[in-house]
């Protein structure tokens, strides 16, 4: 089974859509966390501010049969975000709602 986290794929130069296409039926949980840059020079910015096409990704996940939870992952303490944890989670939820997810 797969705990899918597209941010780690992006910063390794991998295509999250390819993993969904190859392993979609095995995905049991999804972390919604953005990624930018490439290892070793990378960051995990706020949702929508990195390199991940979340609208396309969710479409691919739903097409692969995933109908589970989309969890907003919080790592602000590591990257020095000014927002509080609550603000980051609310912003993430609102970003996903704006995608009509």
Foldseek 3Di string as FASTA:
>chain_A
DDAAEVQVQVQQVHDSLVCCVVQLVVHDHAEQWAKAHHPPPIDTDQHPPHDDPVLVNVVSSVVSPDPDDYHYDDDCVVVVDPDDPVVSRVVNVVVVVVSVD
